[in-house]
Amino acid sequence: MQTTEAQTLHIVRCPNCGNPAERHYLLTHQLTQTQCHACDYLMITCSQTGKVIEAYAPGLFARPLVS
């Protein structure tokens, strides 16, 4: 774990491929960013609400909203 004045970094498992990934807590912007360099996974969420700001996960497909 690394900490700077406005950011904390944890090493976590990538939810897409399982390899080590980085989770950045951007305190001044109230964002959480998880990124994996092995599979190019990216997820940025609001730390307060949990809402997804941006996401990219190669190999994962969204289910249709309408059946």
Protein backbone atom coordinates (compact mmCIF):
# COMPACT_ATOMS: atom_id res chain seq x y z
CA MET A 1 0.00 0.00 0.00
CA GLN A 2 1.29 3.45 -0.92
CA THR A 3 -0.18 6.71 0.32
CA THR A 4 0.33 10.26 -0.87
CA GLU A 5 -1.46 13.37 0.28
CA ALA A 6 -4.40 12.90 -2.12
CA GLN A 7 -4.19 9.24 -3.12
CA THR A 8 -3.95 5.74 -1.64
CA LEU A 9 -2.91 2.71 -3.68
CA HIS A 10 -3.77 -0.94 -2.91
CA ILE A 11 -2.83 -4.02 -4.90
CA VAL A 12 -5.95 -6.18 -5.43
CA ARG A 13 -7.01 -9.04 -7.71
CA CYS A 14 -8.51 -7.96 -11.02
CA PRO A 15 -12.23 -8.85 -11.12
CA ASN A 16 -11.87 -9.52 -14.87
CA CYS A 17 -8.80 -11.82 -15.10
CA GLY A 18 -7.59 -12.42 -11.53
CA ASN A 19 -4.12 -10.97 -12.01
CA PRO A 20 -2.74 -8.32 -9.62
CA ALA A 21 -4.35 -4.93 -10.29
CA GLU A 22 -4.06 -1.45 -8.80
CA ARG A 23 -6.85 0.24 -6.86
CA HIS A 24 -6.35 3.97 -6.45
CA TYR A 25 -8.41 5.94 -3.94
CA LEU A 26 -8.36 9.53 -5.22
CA LEU A 27 -9.32 11.35 -2.04
CA THR A 28 -9.55 14.92 -3.34
CA HIS A 29 -11.88 13.88 -6.18
CA GLN A 30 -13.79 11.23 -4.16
CA LEU A 31 -13.10 8.58 -6.82
CA THR A 32 -11.96 4.97 -6.74
CA GLN A 33 -10.10 3.67 -9.81
CA THR A 34 -9.28 0.00 -10.36
CA GLN A 35 -7.02 -0.86 -13.29
CA CYS A 36 -5.31 -4.01 -14.53
CA HIS A 37 -2.36 -3.80 -16.89
CA ALA A 38 -2.62 -7.51 -17.77
CA CYS A 39 -6.11 -7.40 -19.37
CA ASP A 40 -6.71 -3.63 -19.73
CA TYR A 41 -9.60 -3.61 -17.20
CA LEU A 42 -10.66 -0.17 -15.91
CA MET A 43 -13.40 0.82 -13.45
CA ILE A 44 -13.81 4.32 -12.00
CA THR A 45 -16.52 4.83 -9.38
CA CYS A 46 -17.67 7.63 -7.10
CA SER A 47 -16.45 6.86 -3.57
CA GLN A 48 -19.53 8.46 -2.03
CA THR A 49 -22.34 6.97 -4.12
CA GLY A 50 -20.72 3.90 -5.72
CA LYS A 51 -21.98 5.01 -9.14
CA VAL A 52 -19.84 3.99 -12.12
CA ILE A 53 -18.18 6.95 -13.81
CA GLU A 54 -16.26 5.00 -16.46
CA ALA A 55 -15.73 1.30 -17.16
CA TYR A 56 -13.90 -0.85 -19.67
CA ALA A 57 -13.58 -4.61 -19.37
CA PRO A 58 -12.50 -6.50 -22.48
CA GLY A 59 -14.12 -9.90 -22.71
CA LEU A 60 -17.11 -8.97 -20.54
CA PHE A 61 -20.37 -8.30 -22.30
CA ALA A 62 -23.41 -6.51 -20.93
CA ARG A 63 -26.66 -8.45 -20.82
CA PRO A 64 -29.54 -7.06 -22.87
CA LEU A 65 -31.80 -4.76 -20.86
CA VAL A 66 -34.90 -5.96 -22.71
CA SER A 67 -35.84 -9.65 -22.82
